[in-house]
Amino acid sequence: MKRLPVYEKPTCTTCRRLAALLTERGIDFERIDYMAEPLTESQLRVRRQKAGLRPRDVVRTKEPGARGLPMEDDEATLRALSLHPELPQCPMVECDDRAVLARPPETALELVG
């Protein structure tokens, strides 16, 4: 199995719990800090589609920048997520043609079966 990409924010408790879970299970994964390397609108679109989620489903609604987002407008919300890397929820885990928002972290295990 190839390395599993995990898009995370290093200060996120859930991301740290996921890293511990994957390590404990012996699953090889690659930590991608999307705060240091923000995802483009296209990258966000692909991962969201793989996860079967709408852009509003991945918005960190408690962030100040989330208030006032046009949540019913998928394209505008997606654009805002790409411009403000603090807004997407994490961690997001991707495997081939599938992805999951790993909240709770155990959700990621669906991808590695």
Protein backbone atom coordinates (compact mmCIF):
# COMPACT_ATOMS: atom_id res chain seq x y z
CA MET A 1 0.00 0.00 0.00
CA LYS A 2 1.29 3.47 -0.86
CA ARG A 3 1.56 6.28 1.65
CA LEU A 4 -1.81 7.67 2.66
CA PRO A 5 -2.02 11.48 2.24
CA VAL A 6 -3.39 13.16 5.38
CA TYR A 7 -4.21 16.87 5.02
CA GLU A 8 -3.91 18.36 8.47
CA LYS A 9 -3.42 21.44 10.59
CA PRO A 10 -0.57 20.74 13.06
CA THR A 11 -2.35 22.45 15.97
CA CYS A 12 -5.49 20.32 15.53
CA THR A 13 -6.12 17.78 18.30
CA THR A 14 -8.11 15.51 15.97
CA CYS A 15 -5.20 15.52 13.50
CA ARG A 16 -2.80 14.46 16.24
CA ARG A 17 -5.20 11.70 17.32
CA LEU A 18 -5.42 10.47 13.72
CA ALA A 19 -1.62 10.43 13.37
CA ALA A 20 -1.37 8.38 16.58
CA LEU A 21 -4.06 5.96 15.36
CA LEU A 22 -2.43 5.43 11.96
CA THR A 23 0.99 4.97 13.56
CA GLU A 24 -0.43 2.49 16.07
CA ARG A 25 -2.00 0.50 13.21
CA GLY A 26 1.23 0.53 11.20
CA ILE A 27 -0.33 2.50 8.35
CA ASP A 28 2.19 4.47 6.29
CA PHE A 29 0.94 8.02 5.84
CA GLU A 30 2.18 11.40 4.67
CA ARG A 31 1.33 14.44 6.76
CA ILE A 32 0.50 17.45 4.60
CA ASP A 33 0.23 20.75 6.48
CA TYR A 34 -2.37 22.62 4.46
CA MET A 35 -1.72 25.76 6.50
CA ALA A 36 1.88 25.88 5.22
CA GLU A 37 0.92 24.61 1.75
CA PRO A 38 -2.65 25.87 1.17
CA LEU A 39 -4.79 23.76 -1.13
CA THR A 40 -5.95 25.32 -4.36
CA GLU A 41 -9.60 25.61 -5.26
CA SER A 42 -9.14 22.73 -7.71
CA GLN A 43 -7.46 20.51 -5.09
CA LEU A 44 -10.24 21.25 -2.59
CA ARG A 45 -12.87 20.48 -5.24
CA VAL A 46 -11.33 17.08 -6.04
CA ARG A 47 -10.99 15.99 -2.39
CA ARG A 48 -14.48 17.20 -1.53
CA GLN A 49 -15.95 15.31 -4.51
CA LYS A 50 -14.06 12.16 -3.55
CA ALA A 51 -15.56 12.45 -0.07
CA GLY A 52 -19.05 13.15 -1.41
CA LEU A 53 -19.30 16.40 0.54
CA ARG A 54 -20.51 19.86 -0.33
CA PRO A 55 -18.12 22.74 0.40
CA ARG A 56 -20.29 23.85 3.32
CA ASP A 57 -19.84 20.40 4.89
CA VAL A 58 -16.13 21.06 5.42
CA VAL A 59 -16.33 24.63 6.74
CA ARG A 60 -15.01 25.15 10.24
CA THR A 61 -18.09 27.15 11.26
CA LYS A 62 -16.64 28.46 14.53
CA GLU A 63 -13.90 30.37 12.71
CA PRO A 64 -14.63 34.12 12.48
CA GLY A 65 -14.18 34.06 8.69
CA ALA A 66 -16.96 31.48 8.32
CA ARG A 67 -19.69 33.84 9.43
CA GLY A 68 -21.26 35.38 6.39
CA LEU A 69 -20.07 32.77 3.89
CA PRO A 70 -22.73 32.07 1.26
CA MET A 71 -23.04 28.41 2.34
CA GLU A 72 -25.67 27.64 -0.30
CA ASP A 73 -23.33 28.82 -3.07
CA ASP A 74 -20.90 25.92 -3.51
CA GLU A 75 -18.52 27.78 -5.81
CA ALA A 76 -18.28 30.88 -3.59
CA THR A 77 -17.76 28.72 -0.50
CA LEU A 78 -15.10 26.64 -2.26
CA ARG A 79 -13.32 29.83 -3.36
CA ALA A 80 -13.38 31.13 0.24
CA LEU A 81 -11.96 27.82 1.52
CA SER A 82 -9.04 28.11 -0.89
CA LEU A 83 -8.35 31.74 0.05
CA HIS A 84 -8.57 31.13 3.81
CA PRO A 85 -6.78 27.89 4.78
CA GLU A 86 -8.00 28.22 8.37
CA LEU A 87 -11.59 27.55 7.25
CA PRO A 88 -11.59 23.89 6.07
CA GLN A 89 -12.12 21.22 8.70
CA CYS A 90 -9.45 18.62 9.10
CA PRO A 91 -8.05 16.07 8.87
CA MET A 92 -8.93 14.99 5.35
CA VAL A 93 -7.58 11.63 4.23
CA GLU A 94 -7.37 10.54 0.60
CA CYS A 95 -6.92 7.11 -0.93
CA ASP A 96 -7.16 6.66 -4.70
CA ASP A 97 -10.69 7.71 -5.73
CA ARG A 98 -12.04 8.13 -2.19
CA ALA A 99 -11.54 10.59 0.63
CA VAL A 100 -12.98 11.13 4.09
CA LEU A 101 -13.13 13.94 6.57
CA ALA A 102 -11.65 11.99 9.48
CA ARG A 103 -13.86 13.33 12.23
CA PRO A 104 -13.72 11.16 14.27
CA PRO A 105 -10.24 9.88 13.37
CA GLU A 106 -11.44 6.26 13.12
CA THR A 107 -13.36 7.26 9.98
CA ALA A 108 -10.03 7.15 8.09
CA LEU A 109 -9.82 3.40 8.67
CA GLU A 110 -12.69 2.98 6.13
CA LEU A 111 -10.18 3.84 3.40
CA VAL A 112 -7.57 1.29 4.40
CA GLY A 113 -10.01 -1.51 5.17
